[in-house]
Amino acid sequence: MPITNETPVVIPSAAEKLFPHQWIYNLSCHCPSNTQGKISIELIPYNADNSDFGPYSGLEIVTTDALWEAINEVPEVAAAFTAVIDSVEPLRAWVKNRAIASAIPPYSISAPTPEPEPEINI
């Protein structure tokens, strides 16, 4: 049963938004061997004209567990995979150089927590 609100809530209408593009929100590639592989690409709505991201409810997932077949049959997939492989060494060097320049470890390394000294009661 509804109850009359003494102070009615008013939600202003929002202007319509247009998302004519998509943004790669997540990209995951798993290749346990040179014959088995999976790729998953998550795309969310995006407007490149104003850098506005759309709602996650507009998520599109492009995925296959036949990655090697896609590489062999789709030239753009082969080129993209080759580009990823070719980028590993330069990216690794960039990460190391950036870490050296800022004097931080290139990879997060947790220092071990020292054990407390035992109390000795005499």
PDB file of N, CA and C in Angstrom:
ATOM      1  N   MET A   1       0.838  -1.163   0.000  1.00  0.00           N
ATOM      2  CA  MET A   1       0.000   0.000   0.000  1.00  0.00           C
ATOM      3  C   MET A   1       0.898   1.246   0.000  1.00  0.00           C
ATOM      4  N   PRO A   2       0.701   2.155  -0.931  1.00  0.00           N
ATOM      5  CA  PRO A   2       1.552   3.358  -0.988  1.00  0.00           C
ATOM      6  C   PRO A   2       1.220   4.335   0.131  1.00  0.00           C
ATOM      7  N   ILE A   3       2.269   5.067   0.528  1.00  0.00           N
ATOM      8  CA  ILE A   3       2.142   6.105   1.544  1.00  0.00           C
ATOM      9  C   ILE A   3       2.545   7.413   0.888  1.00  0.00           C
ATOM     10  N   THR A   4       1.784   8.445   1.102  1.00  0.00           N
ATOM     11  CA  THR A   4       2.076   9.747   0.504  1.00  0.00           C
ATOM     12  C   THR A   4       3.346  10.317   1.114  1.00  0.00           C
ATOM     13  N   ASN A   5       4.279  10.689   0.261  1.00  0.00           N
ATOM     14  CA  ASN A   5       5.543  11.281   0.694  1.00  0.00           C
ATOM     15  C   ASN A   5       5.316  12.759   0.928  1.00  0.00           C
ATOM     16  N   GLU A   6       5.693  13.252   2.111  1.00  0.00           N
ATOM     17  CA  GLU A   6       5.527  14.677   2.411  1.00  0.00           C
ATOM     18  C   GLU A   6       6.400  15.543   1.519  1.00  0.00           C
ATOM     19  N   THR A   7       7.538  15.000   1.119  1.00  0.00           N
ATOM     20  CA  THR A   7       8.439  15.713   0.213  1.00  0.00           C
ATOM     21  C   THR A   7       8.642  14.829  -1.016  1.00  0.00           C
ATOM     22  N   PRO A   8       7.863  15.028  -2.062  1.00  0.00           N
ATOM     23  CA  PRO A   8       7.991  14.172  -3.242  1.00  0.00           C
ATOM     24  C   PRO A   8       9.402  14.221  -3.835  1.00  0.00           C
ATOM     25  N   VAL A   9       9.862  13.078  -4.281  1.00  0.00           N
ATOM     26  CA  VAL A   9      11.182  12.962  -4.896  1.00  0.00           C
ATOM     27  C   VAL A   9      11.029  13.206  -6.384  1.00  0.00           C
ATOM     28  N   VAL A  10      11.846  14.115  -6.904  1.00  0.00           N
ATOM     29  CA  VAL A  10      11.816  14.425  -8.329  1.00  0.00           C
ATOM     30  C   VAL A  10      13.168  14.054  -8.917  1.00  0.00           C
ATOM     31  N   ILE A  11      13.152  13.211  -9.918  1.00  0.00           N
ATOM     32  CA  ILE A  11      14.386  12.823 -10.605  1.00  0.00           C
ATOM     33  C   ILE A  11      14.367  13.498 -11.965  1.00  0.00           C
ATOM     34  N   PRO A  12      15.312  14.411 -12.174  1.00  0.00           N
ATOM     35  CA  PRO A  12      15.323  15.113 -13.463  1.00  0.00           C
ATOM     36  C   PRO A  12      15.661  14.145 -14.600  1.00  0.00           C
ATOM     37  N   SER A  13      15.059  14.401 -15.725  1.00  0.00           N
ATOM     38  CA  SER A  13      15.348  13.543 -16.878  1.00  0.00           C
ATOM     39  C   SER A  13      16.756  13.819 -17.367  1.00  0.00           C
ATOM     40  N   ALA A  14      17.396  12.772 -17.829  1.00  0.00           N
ATOM     41  CA  ALA A  14      18.769  12.909 -18.339  1.00  0.00           C
ATOM     42  C   ALA A  14      18.723  13.041 -19.853  1.00  0.00           C
ATOM     43  N   ALA A  15      19.655  13.810 -20.370  1.00  0.00           N
ATOM     44  CA  ALA A  15      19.734  13.963 -21.817  1.00  0.00           C
ATOM     45  C   ALA A  15      20.161  12.637 -22.449  1.00  0.00           C
ATOM     46  N   GLU A  16      19.666  12.387 -23.601  1.00  0.00           N
ATOM     47  CA  GLU A  16      20.036  11.173 -24.333  1.00  0.00           C
ATOM     48  C   GLU A  16      21.520  11.234 -24.688  1.00  0.00           C
ATOM     49  N   LYS A  17      22.188  10.095 -24.568  1.00  0.00           N
ATOM     50  CA  LYS A  17      23.612  10.024 -24.901  1.00  0.00           C
ATOM     51  C   LYS A  17      23.808   9.050 -26.045  1.00  0.00           C
ATOM     52  N   LEU A  18      24.742   9.370 -26.905  1.00  0.00           N
ATOM     53  CA  LEU A  18      25.044   8.540 -28.061  1.00  0.00           C
ATOM     54  C   LEU A  18      26.433   7.934 -27.890  1.00  0.00           C
ATOM     55  N   PHE A  19      26.543   6.633 -28.136  1.00  0.00           N
ATOM     56  CA  PHE A  19      27.819   5.927 -28.046  1.00  0.00           C
ATOM     57  C   PHE A  19      28.054   5.202 -29.374  1.00  0.00           C
ATOM     58  N   PRO A  20      28.628   5.906 -30.358  1.00  0.00           N
ATOM     59  CA  PRO A  20      28.802   5.301 -31.679  1.00  0.00           C
ATOM     60  C   PRO A  20      30.033   4.404 -31.793  1.00  0.00           C
ATOM     61  N   HIS A  21      30.812   4.304 -30.734  1.00  0.00           N
ATOM     62  CA  HIS A  21      32.047   3.516 -30.770  1.00  0.00           C
ATOM     63  C   HIS A  21      32.033   2.483 -29.653  1.00  0.00           C
ATOM     64  N   GLN A  22      33.062   1.673 -29.629  1.00  0.00           N
ATOM     65  CA  GLN A  22      33.247   0.721 -28.543  1.00  0.00           C
ATOM     66  C   GLN A  22      34.674   0.842 -28.026  1.00  0.00           C
ATOM     67  N   TRP A  23      34.837   0.570 -26.732  1.00  0.00           N
ATOM     68  CA  TRP A  23      36.127   0.635 -26.067  1.00  0.00           C
ATOM     69  C   TRP A  23      36.490  -0.773 -25.617  1.00  0.00           C
ATOM     70  N   ILE A  24      37.744  -1.175 -25.845  1.00  0.00           N
ATOM     71  CA  ILE A  24      38.177  -2.482 -25.344  1.00  0.00           C
ATOM     72  C   ILE A  24      38.374  -2.339 -23.849  1.00  0.00           C
ATOM     73  N   TYR A  25      37.433  -2.882 -23.118  1.00  0.00           N
ATOM     74  CA  TYR A  25      37.402  -2.795 -21.667  1.00  0.00           C
ATOM     75  C   TYR A  25      38.295  -3.857 -21.039  1.00  0.00           C
ATOM     76  N   ASN A  26      38.313  -5.028 -21.638  1.00  0.00           N
ATOM     77  CA  ASN A  26      39.130  -6.114 -21.119  1.00  0.00           C
ATOM     78  C   ASN A  26      39.539  -7.000 -22.293  1.00  0.00           C
ATOM     79  N   LEU A  27      40.792  -7.424 -22.276  1.00  0.00           N
ATOM     80  CA  LEU A  27      41.322  -8.302 -23.319  1.00  0.00           C
ATOM     81  C   LEU A  27      42.107  -9.398 -22.622  1.00  0.00           C
ATOM     82  N   SER A  28      41.719 -10.639 -22.857  1.00  0.00           N
ATOM     83  CA  SER A  28      42.374 -11.759 -22.203  1.00  0.00           C
ATOM     84  C   SER A  28      42.688 -12.825 -23.234  1.00  0.00           C
ATOM     85  N   CYS A  29      43.923 -13.300 -23.184  1.00  0.00           N
ATOM     86  CA  CYS A  29      44.372 -14.327 -24.117  1.00  0.00           C
ATOM     87  C   CYS A  29      45.027 -15.434 -23.300  1.00  0.00           C
ATOM     88  N   HIS A  30      44.617 -16.654 -23.544  1.00  0.00           N
ATOM     89  CA  HIS A  30      45.175 -17.800 -22.823  1.00  0.00           C
ATOM     90  C   HIS A  30      45.615 -18.830 -23.846  1.00  0.00           C
ATOM     91  N   CYS A  31      46.909 -19.097 -23.908  1.00  0.00           N
ATOM     92  CA  CYS A  31      47.467 -20.046 -24.874  1.00  0.00           C
ATOM     93  C   CYS A  31      48.322 -21.075 -24.141  1.00  0.00           C
ATOM     94  N   PRO A  32      47.709 -22.145 -23.664  1.00  0.00           N
ATOM     95  CA  PRO A  32      48.487 -23.145 -22.941  1.00  0.00           C
ATOM     96  C   PRO A  32      49.421 -23.950 -23.838  1.00  0.00           C
ATOM     97  N   SER A  33      49.222 -23.886 -25.154  1.00  0.00           N
ATOM     98  CA  SER A  33      50.115 -24.589 -26.076  1.00  0.00           C
ATOM     99  C   SER A  33      50.033 -23.900 -27.439  1.00  0.00           C
ATOM    100  N   ASN A  34      50.815 -24.424 -28.388  1.00  0.00           N
ATOM    101  CA  ASN A  34      50.768 -23.836 -29.725  1.00  0.00           C
ATOM    102  C   ASN A  34      49.666 -24.453 -30.592  1.00  0.00           C
ATOM    103  N   THR A  35      48.780 -25.221 -29.972  1.00  0.00           N
ATOM    104  CA  THR A  35      47.622 -25.759 -30.686  1.00  0.00           C
ATOM    105  C   THR A  35      46.313 -25.412 -29.981  1.00  0.00           C
ATOM    106  N   GLN A  36      46.387 -24.974 -28.733  1.00  0.00           N
ATOM    107  CA  GLN A  36      45.196 -24.614 -27.978  1.00  0.00           C
ATOM    108  C   GLN A  36      45.287 -23.156 -27.553  1.00  0.00           C
ATOM    109  N   GLY A  37      44.184 -22.463 -27.657  1.00  0.00           N
ATOM    110  CA  GLY A  37      44.183 -21.078 -27.225  1.00  0.00           C
ATOM    111  C   GLY A  37      42.788 -20.513 -27.176  1.00  0.00           C
ATOM    112  N   LYS A  38      42.623 -19.516 -26.335  1.00  0.00           N
ATOM    113  CA  LYS A  38      41.340 -18.861 -26.152  1.00  0.00           C
ATOM    114  C   LYS A  38      41.575 -17.365 -26.077  1.00  0.00           C
ATOM    115  N   ILE A  39      40.650 -16.594 -26.623  1.00  0.00           N
ATOM    116  CA  ILE A  39      40.716 -15.146 -26.494  1.00  0.00           C
ATOM    117  C   ILE A  39      39.335 -14.633 -26.138  1.00  0.00           C
ATOM    118  N   SER A  40      39.298 -13.630 -25.292  1.00  0.00           N
ATOM    119  CA  SER A  40      38.051 -12.996 -24.897  1.00  0.00           C
ATOM    120  C   SER A  40      38.270 -11.489 -24.912  1.00  0.00           C
ATOM    121  N   ILE A  41      37.407 -10.795 -25.618  1.00  0.00           N
ATOM    122  CA  ILE A  41      37.494  -9.338 -25.713  1.00  0.00           C
ATOM    123  C   ILE A  41      36.166  -8.766 -25.226  1.00  0.00           C
ATOM    124  N   GLU A  42      36.220  -7.902 -24.211  1.00  0.00           N
ATOM    125  CA  GLU A  42      35.023  -7.250 -23.696  1.00  0.00           C
ATOM    126  C   GLU A  42      35.012  -5.814 -24.215  1.00  0.00           C
ATOM    127  N   LEU A  43      33.913  -5.440 -24.836  1.00  0.00           N
ATOM    128  CA  LEU A  43      33.750  -4.107 -25.404  1.00  0.00           C
ATOM    129  C   LEU A  43      32.608  -3.388 -24.694  1.00  0.00           C
ATOM    130  N   ILE A  44      32.835  -2.123 -24.327  1.00  0.00           N
ATOM    131  CA  ILE A  44      31.763  -1.329 -23.735  1.00  0.00           C
ATOM    132  C   ILE A  44      31.485  -0.132 -24.643  1.00  0.00           C
ATOM    133  N   PRO A  45      30.273   0.420 -24.563  1.00  0.00           N
ATOM    134  CA  PRO A  45      29.943   1.585 -25.386  1.00  0.00           C
ATOM    135  C   PRO A  45      30.876   2.757 -25.074  1.00  0.00           C
ATOM    136  N   TYR A  46      31.181   3.517 -26.118  1.00  0.00           N
ATOM    137  CA  TYR A  46      32.130   4.631 -25.965  1.00  0.00           C
ATOM    138  C   TYR A  46      31.824   5.684 -27.011  1.00  0.00           C
ATOM    139  N   ASN A  47      32.095   6.930 -26.668  1.00  0.00           N
ATOM    140  CA  ASN A  47      31.976   8.028 -27.613  1.00  0.00           C
ATOM    141  C   ASN A  47      33.338   8.711 -27.692  1.00  0.00           C
ATOM    142  N   ALA A  48      34.060   8.468 -28.777  1.00  0.00           N
ATOM    143  CA  ALA A  48      35.407   9.022 -28.942  1.00  0.00           C
ATOM    144  C   ALA A  48      35.392  10.536 -29.115  1.00  0.00           C
ATOM    145  N   ASP A  49      34.258  11.100 -29.513  1.00  0.00           N
ATOM    146  CA  ASP A  49      34.185  12.542 -29.719  1.00  0.00           C
ATOM    147  C   ASP A  49      34.264  13.321 -28.411  1.00  0.00           C
ATOM    148  N   ASN A  50      33.760  12.715 -27.315  1.00  0.00           N
ATOM    149  CA  ASN A  50      33.788  13.418 -26.028  1.00  0.00           C
ATOM    150  C   ASN A  50      34.388  12.575 -24.900  1.00  0.00           C
ATOM    151  N   SER A  51      35.007  11.453 -25.255  1.00  0.00           N
ATOM    152  CA  SER A  51      35.646  10.538 -24.291  1.00  0.00           C
ATOM    153  C   SER A  51      34.681  10.037 -23.220  1.00  0.00           C
ATOM    154  N   ASP A  52      33.438   9.847 -23.591  1.00  0.00           N
ATOM    155  CA  ASP A  52      32.414   9.409 -22.653  1.00  0.00           C
ATOM    156  C   ASP A  52      32.231   7.897 -22.759  1.00  0.00           C
ATOM    157  N   PHE A  53      32.302   7.222 -21.616  1.00  0.00           N
ATOM    158  CA  PHE A  53      32.090   5.780 -21.572  1.00  0.00           C
ATOM    159  C   PHE A  53      30.630   5.509 -21.266  1.00  0.00           C
ATOM    160  N   GLY A  54      30.091   4.507 -21.928  1.00  0.00           N
ATOM    161  CA  GLY A  54      28.710   4.132 -21.719  1.00  0.00           C
ATOM    162  C   GLY A  54      28.567   3.135 -20.591  1.00  0.00           C
ATOM    163  N   PRO A  55      27.339   2.706 -20.365  1.00  0.00           N
ATOM    164  CA  PRO A  55      27.085   1.788 -19.250  1.00  0.00           C
ATOM    165  C   PRO A  55      27.604   0.380 -19.530  1.00  0.00           C
ATOM    166  N   TYR A  56      27.976  -0.271 -18.451  1.00  0.00           N
ATOM    167  CA  TYR A  56      28.463  -1.649 -18.543  1.00  0.00           C
ATOM    168  C   TYR A  56      27.361  -2.577 -19.050  1.00  0.00           C
ATOM    169  N   SER A  57      26.120  -2.150 -18.919  1.00  0.00           N
ATOM    170  CA  SER A  57      25.005  -2.964 -19.409  1.00  0.00           C
ATOM    171  C   SER A  57      25.067  -3.125 -20.924  1.00  0.00           C
ATOM    172  N   GLY A  58      25.837  -2.280 -21.597  1.00  0.00           N
ATOM    173  CA  GLY A  58      26.004  -2.380 -23.043  1.00  0.00           C
ATOM    174  C   GLY A  58      27.191  -3.249 -23.440  1.00  0.00           C
ATOM    175  N   LEU A  59      27.706  -4.024 -22.486  1.00  0.00           N
ATOM    176  CA  LEU A  59      28.873  -4.871 -22.720  1.00  0.00           C
ATOM    177  C   LEU A  59      28.620  -5.876 -23.848  1.00  0.00           C
ATOM    178  N   GLU A  60      29.591  -5.995 -24.742  1.00  0.00           N
ATOM    179  CA  GLU A  60      29.583  -7.036 -25.768  1.00  0.00           C
ATOM    180  C   GLU A  60      30.847  -7.872 -25.567  1.00  0.00           C
ATOM    181  N   ILE A  61      30.698  -9.186 -25.569  1.00  0.00           N
ATOM    182  CA  ILE A  61      31.845 -10.075 -25.400  1.00  0.00           C
ATOM    183  C   ILE A  61      32.066 -10.838 -26.698  1.00  0.00           C
ATOM    184  N   VAL A  62      33.295 -10.732 -27.209  1.00  0.00           N
ATOM    185  CA  VAL A  62      33.706 -11.485 -28.390  1.00  0.00           C
ATOM    186  C   VAL A  62      34.709 -12.516 -27.896  1.00  0.00           C
ATOM    187  N   THR A  63      34.380 -13.787 -28.017  1.00  0.00           N
ATOM    188  CA  THR A  63      35.249 -14.818 -27.455  1.00  0.00           C
ATOM    189  C   THR A  63      35.244 -16.063 -28.326  1.00  0.00           C
ATOM    190  N   THR A  64      36.373 -16.757 -28.305  1.00  0.00           N
ATOM    191  CA  THR A  64      36.477 -18.050 -28.981  1.00  0.00           C
ATOM    192  C   THR A  64      37.540 -18.883 -28.287  1.00  0.00           C
ATOM    193  N   ASP A  65      37.321 -20.182 -28.282  1.00  0.00           N
ATOM    194  CA  ASP A  65      38.352 -21.080 -27.772  1.00  0.00           C
ATOM    195  C   ASP A  65      39.124 -21.716 -28.923  1.00  0.00           C
ATOM    196  N   ALA A  66      38.943 -21.164 -30.109  1.00  0.00           N
ATOM    197  CA  ALA A  66      39.667 -21.616 -31.295  1.00  0.00           C
ATOM    198  C   ALA A  66      40.600 -20.506 -31.787  1.00  0.00           C
ATOM    199  N   LEU A  67      41.437 -20.007 -30.863  1.00  0.00           N
ATOM    200  CA  LEU A  67      42.313 -18.880 -31.197  1.00  0.00           C
ATOM    201  C   LEU A  67      43.248 -19.200 -32.356  1.00  0.00           C
ATOM    202  N   TRP A  68      43.867 -20.369 -32.354  1.00  0.00           N
ATOM    203  CA  TRP A  68      44.834 -20.679 -33.409  1.00  0.00           C
ATOM    204  C   TRP A  68      44.151 -20.797 -34.769  1.00  0.00           C
ATOM    205  N   GLU A  69      42.937 -21.296 -34.810  1.00  0.00           N
ATOM    206  CA  GLU A  69      42.197 -21.321 -36.069  1.00  0.00           C
ATOM    207  C   GLU A  69      41.915 -19.900 -36.538  1.00  0.00           C
ATOM    208  N   ALA A  70      41.529 -19.033 -35.606  1.00  0.00           N
ATOM    209  CA  ALA A  70      41.273 -17.636 -35.959  1.00  0.00           C
ATOM    210  C   ALA A  70      42.538 -16.966 -36.481  1.00  0.00           C
ATOM    211  N   ILE A  71      43.677 -17.250 -35.848  1.00  0.00           N
ATOM    212  CA  ILE A  71      44.946 -16.680 -36.309  1.00  0.00           C
ATOM    213  C   ILE A  71      45.252 -17.142 -37.727  1.00  0.00           C
ATOM    214  N   ASN A  72      44.988 -18.404 -38.012  1.00  0.00           N
ATOM    215  CA  ASN A  72      45.272 -18.955 -39.342  1.00  0.00           C
ATOM    216  C   ASN A  72      44.277 -18.525 -40.408  1.00  0.00           C
ATOM    217  N   GLU A  73      43.060 -18.161 -40.015  1.00  0.00           N
ATOM    218  CA  GLU A  73      42.017 -17.867 -41.000  1.00  0.00           C
ATOM    219  C   GLU A  73      41.639 -16.397 -41.117  1.00  0.00           C
ATOM    220  N   VAL A  74      41.988 -15.592 -40.115  1.00  0.00           N
ATOM    221  CA  VAL A  74      41.627 -14.171 -40.138  1.00  0.00           C
ATOM    222  C   VAL A  74      42.917 -13.354 -40.097  1.00  0.00           C
ATOM    223  N   PRO A  75      43.298 -12.740 -41.223  1.00  0.00           N
ATOM    224  CA  PRO A  75      44.580 -12.011 -41.272  1.00  0.00           C
ATOM    225  C   PRO A  75      44.720 -10.932 -40.199  1.00  0.00           C
ATOM    226  N   GLU A  76      43.644 -10.239 -39.864  1.00  0.00           N
ATOM    227  CA  GLU A  76      43.714  -9.187 -38.849  1.00  0.00           C
ATOM    228  C   GLU A  76      44.019  -9.761 -37.470  1.00  0.00           C
ATOM    229  N   VAL A  77      43.488 -10.947 -37.188  1.00  0.00           N
ATOM    230  CA  VAL A  77      43.776 -11.596 -35.905  1.00  0.00           C
ATOM    231  C   VAL A  77      45.242 -12.021 -35.872  1.00  0.00           C
ATOM    232  N   ALA A  78      45.735 -12.557 -36.975  1.00  0.00           N
ATOM    233  CA  ALA A  78      47.150 -12.938 -37.058  1.00  0.00           C
ATOM    234  C   ALA A  78      48.045 -11.715 -36.858  1.00  0.00           C
ATOM    235  N   ALA A  79      47.695 -10.601 -37.502  1.00  0.00           N
ATOM    236  CA  ALA A  79      48.496  -9.378 -37.369  1.00  0.00           C
ATOM    237  C   ALA A  79      48.458  -8.851 -35.934  1.00  0.00           C
ATOM    238  N   ALA A  80      47.279  -8.903 -35.313  1.00  0.00           N
ATOM    239  CA  ALA A  80      47.155  -8.428 -33.927  1.00  0.00           C
ATOM    240  C   ALA A  80      47.967  -9.304 -32.975  1.00  0.00           C
ATOM    241  N   PHE A  81      47.899 -10.617 -33.164  1.00  0.00           N
ATOM    242  CA  PHE A  81      48.645 -11.522 -32.297  1.00  0.00           C
ATOM    243  C   PHE A  81      50.150 -11.328 -32.484  1.00  0.00           C
ATOM    244  N   THR A  82      50.580 -11.149 -33.716  1.00  0.00           N
ATOM    245  CA  THR A  82      51.992 -10.879 -33.998  1.00  0.00           C
ATOM    246  C   THR A  82      52.424  -9.568 -33.334  1.00  0.00           C
ATOM    247  N   ALA A  83      51.561  -8.556 -33.397  1.00  0.00           N
ATOM    248  CA  ALA A  83      51.881  -7.269 -32.767  1.00  0.00           C
ATOM    249  C   ALA A  83      52.023  -7.411 -31.257  1.00  0.00           C
ATOM    250  N   VAL A  84      51.169  -8.221 -30.642  1.00  0.00           N
ATOM    251  CA  VAL A  84      51.275  -8.443 -29.199  1.00  0.00           C
ATOM    252  C   VAL A  84      52.605  -9.114 -28.869  1.00  0.00           C
ATOM    253  N   ILE A  85      52.943 -10.158 -29.614  1.00  0.00           N
ATOM    254  CA  ILE A  85      54.209 -10.867 -29.375  1.00  0.00           C
ATOM    255  C   ILE A  85      55.388  -9.922 -29.571  1.00  0.00           C
ATOM    256  N   ASP A  86      55.349  -9.126 -30.636  1.00  0.00           N
ATOM    257  CA  ASP A  86      56.446  -8.191 -30.922  1.00  0.00           C
ATOM    258  C   ASP A  86      56.549  -7.083 -29.877  1.00  0.00           C
ATOM    259  N   SER A  87      55.484  -6.829 -29.137  1.00  0.00           N
ATOM    260  CA  SER A  87      55.508  -5.737 -28.148  1.00  0.00           C
ATOM    261  C   SER A  87      56.050  -6.162 -26.793  1.00  0.00           C
ATOM    262  N   VAL A  88      56.215  -7.458 -26.553  1.00  0.00           N
ATOM    263  CA  VAL A  88      56.605  -7.922 -25.218  1.00  0.00           C
ATOM    264  C   VAL A  88      57.967  -7.381 -24.794  1.00  0.00           C
ATOM    265  N   GLU A  89      58.988  -7.559 -25.599  1.00  0.00           N
ATOM    266  CA  GLU A  89      60.330  -7.097 -25.211  1.00  0.00           C
ATOM    267  C   GLU A  89      60.396  -5.577 -25.050  1.00  0.00           C
ATOM    268  N   PRO A  90      59.864  -4.792 -26.004  1.00  0.00           N
ATOM    269  CA  PRO A  90      59.889  -3.338 -25.786  1.00  0.00           C
ATOM    270  C   PRO A  90      59.096  -2.907 -24.549  1.00  0.00           C
ATOM    271  N   LEU A  91      57.974  -3.552 -24.285  1.00  0.00           N
ATOM    272  CA  LEU A  91      57.193  -3.215 -23.092  1.00  0.00           C
ATOM    273  C   LEU A  91      57.964  -3.583 -21.832  1.00  0.00           C
ATOM    274  N   ARG A  92      58.587  -4.736 -21.834  1.00  0.00           N
ATOM    275  CA  ARG A  92      59.392  -5.156 -20.681  1.00  0.00           C
ATOM    276  C   ARG A  92      60.502  -4.135 -20.418  1.00  0.00           C
ATOM    277  N   ALA A  93      61.189  -3.703 -21.462  1.00  0.00           N
ATOM    278  CA  ALA A  93      62.260  -2.706 -21.309  1.00  0.00           C
ATOM    279  C   ALA A  93      61.699  -1.378 -20.803  1.00  0.00           C
ATOM    280  N   TRP A  94      60.565  -0.971 -21.319  1.00  0.00           N
ATOM    281  CA  TRP A  94      59.944   0.280 -20.890  1.00  0.00           C
ATOM    282  C   TRP A  94      59.596   0.228 -19.402  1.00  0.00           C
ATOM    283  N   VAL A  95      59.016  -0.902 -18.960  1.00  0.00           N
ATOM    284  CA  VAL A  95      58.657  -1.058 -17.550  1.00  0.00           C
ATOM    285  C   VAL A  95      59.904  -0.975 -16.678  1.00  0.00           C
ATOM    286  N   LYS A  96      60.976  -1.671 -17.078  1.00  0.00           N
ATOM    287  CA  LYS A  96      62.212  -1.643 -16.286  1.00  0.00           C
ATOM    288  C   LYS A  96      62.818  -0.249 -16.254  1.00  0.00           C
ATOM    289  N   ASN A  97      62.870   0.435 -17.400  1.00  0.00           N
ATOM    290  CA  ASN A  97      63.441   1.784 -17.447  1.00  0.00           C
ATOM    291  C   ASN A  97      62.623   2.771 -16.626  1.00  0.00           C
ATOM    292  N   ARG A  98      61.349   2.635 -16.675  1.00  0.00           N
ATOM    293  CA  ARG A  98      60.484   3.518 -15.895  1.00  0.00           C
ATOM    294  C   ARG A  98      60.697   3.279 -14.400  1.00  0.00           C
ATOM    295  N   ALA A  99      60.862   2.020 -14.020  1.00  0.00           N
ATOM    296  CA  ALA A  99      61.102   1.699 -12.619  1.00  0.00           C
ATOM    297  C   ALA A  99      62.439   2.255 -12.156  1.00  0.00           C
ATOM    298  N   ILE A 100      63.450   2.136 -12.997  1.00  0.00           N
ATOM    299  CA  ILE A 100      64.770   2.664 -12.649  1.00  0.00           C
ATOM    300  C   ILE A 100      64.701   4.177 -12.503  1.00  0.00           C
ATOM    301  N   ALA A 101      64.005   4.831 -13.424  1.00  0.00           N
ATOM    302  CA  ALA A 101      63.901   6.295 -13.379  1.00  0.00           C
ATOM    303  C   ALA A 101      63.172   6.768 -12.129  1.00  0.00           C
ATOM    304  N   SER A 102      62.222   6.001 -11.651  1.00  0.00           N
ATOM    305  CA  SER A 102      61.484   6.436 -10.475  1.00  0.00           C
ATOM    306  C   SER A 102      61.956   5.733  -9.207  1.00  0.00           C
ATOM    307  N   ALA A 103      62.991   4.904  -9.335  1.00  0.00           N
ATOM    308  CA  ALA A 103      63.598   4.200  -8.206  1.00  0.00           C
ATOM    309  C   ALA A 103      62.602   3.325  -7.452  1.00  0.00           C
ATOM    310  N   ILE A 104      61.733   2.661  -8.187  1.00  0.00           N
ATOM    311  CA  ILE A 104      60.826   1.689  -7.582  1.00  0.00           C
ATOM    312  C   ILE A 104      61.024   0.361  -8.290  1.00  0.00           C
ATOM    313  N   PRO A 105      60.738  -0.739  -7.619  1.00  0.00           N
ATOM    314  CA  PRO A 105      60.884  -2.029  -8.298  1.00  0.00           C
ATOM    315  C   PRO A 105      59.938  -2.116  -9.493  1.00  0.00           C
ATOM    316  N   PRO A 106      60.364  -2.747 -10.591  1.00  0.00           N
ATOM    317  CA  PRO A 106      59.501  -2.821 -11.769  1.00  0.00           C
ATOM    318  C   PRO A 106      58.270  -3.693 -11.553  1.00  0.00           C
ATOM    319  N   TYR A 107      58.339  -4.598 -10.625  1.00  0.00           N
ATOM    320  CA  TYR A 107      57.213  -5.471 -10.337  1.00  0.00           C
ATOM    321  C   TYR A 107      56.950  -5.388  -8.842  1.00  0.00           C
ATOM    322  N   SER A 108      55.710  -5.481  -8.435  1.00  0.00           N
ATOM    323  CA  SER A 108      55.420  -5.370  -7.011  1.00  0.00           C
ATOM    324  C   SER A 108      55.991  -6.573  -6.278  1.00  0.00           C
ATOM    325  N   ILE A 109      56.818  -6.281  -5.304  1.00  0.00           N
ATOM    326  CA  ILE A 109      57.456  -7.310  -4.502  1.00  0.00           C
ATOM    327  C   ILE A 109      57.120  -7.018  -3.049  1.00  0.00           C
ATOM    328  N   SER A 110      56.459  -7.942  -2.417  1.00  0.00           N
ATOM    329  CA  SER A 110      56.103  -7.755  -1.018  1.00  0.00           C
ATOM    330  C   SER A 110      57.264  -8.197  -0.139  1.00  0.00           C
ATOM    331  N   ALA A 111      57.636  -7.339   0.776  1.00  0.00           N
ATOM    332  CA  ALA A 111      58.688  -7.693   1.721  1.00  0.00           C
ATOM    333  C   ALA A 111      58.112  -8.662   2.739  1.00  0.00           C
ATOM    334  N   PRO A 112      58.905  -9.660   3.139  1.00  0.00           N
ATOM    335  CA  PRO A 112      58.384 -10.601   4.134  1.00  0.00           C
ATOM    336  C   PRO A 112      58.169  -9.899   5.469  1.00  0.00           C
ATOM    337  N   THR A 113      57.132 -10.320   6.171  1.00  0.00           N
ATOM    338  CA  THR A 113      56.841  -9.767   7.483  1.00  0.00           C
ATOM    339  C   THR A 113      57.743 -10.459   8.499  1.00  0.00           C
ATOM    340  N   PRO A 114      58.540  -9.679   9.258  1.00  0.00           N
ATOM    341  CA  PRO A 114      59.444 -10.319  10.230  1.00  0.00           C
ATOM    342  C   PRO A 114      58.657 -10.985  11.351  1.00  0.00           C
ATOM    343  N   GLU A 115      59.178 -12.102  11.819  1.00  0.00           N
ATOM    344  CA  GLU A 115      58.556 -12.809  12.940  1.00  0.00           C
ATOM    345  C   GLU A 115      58.843 -12.030  14.203  1.00  0.00           C
ATOM    346  N   PRO A 116      57.868 -11.952  15.127  1.00  0.00           N
ATOM    347  CA  PRO A 116      58.127 -11.224  16.389  1.00  0.00           C
ATOM    348  C   PRO A 116      59.142 -11.991  17.231  1.00  0.00           C
ATOM    349  N   GLU A 117      59.948 -11.233  17.941  1.00  0.00           N
ATOM    350  CA  GLU A 117      60.945 -11.830  18.818  1.00  0.00           C
ATOM    351  C   GLU A 117      60.225 -12.464  20.006  1.00  0.00           C
ATOM    352  N   PRO A 118      60.599 -13.689  20.371  1.00  0.00           N
ATOM    353  CA  PRO A 118      59.942 -14.308  21.526  1.00  0.00           C
ATOM    354  C   PRO A 118      60.381 -13.637  22.820  1.00  0.00           C
ATOM    355  N   GLU A 119      59.443 -13.575  23.770  1.00  0.00           N
ATOM    356  CA  GLU A 119      59.778 -13.010  25.074  1.00  0.00           C
ATOM    357  C   GLU A 119      60.502 -14.057  25.899  1.00  0.00           C
ATOM    358  N   ILE A 120      61.514 -13.597  26.575  1.00  0.00           N
ATOM    359  CA  ILE A 120      62.277 -14.497  27.440  1.00  0.00           C
ATOM    360  C   ILE A 120      62.075 -14.019  28.864  1.00  0.00           C
ATOM    361  N   ASN A 121      61.449 -14.844  29.661  1.00  0.00           N
ATOM    362  CA  ASN A 121      61.217 -14.517  31.073  1.00  0.00           C
ATOM    363  C   ASN A 121      62.228 -15.282  31.925  1.00  0.00           C
ATOM    364  N   ILE A 122      62.994 -14.543  32.709  1.00  0.00           N
ATOM    365  CA  ILE A 122      64.001 -15.174  33.565  1.00  0.00           C
ATOM    366  C   ILE A 122      63.583 -15.046  35.000  1.00  0.00           C
TER     367      ILE A 122
END
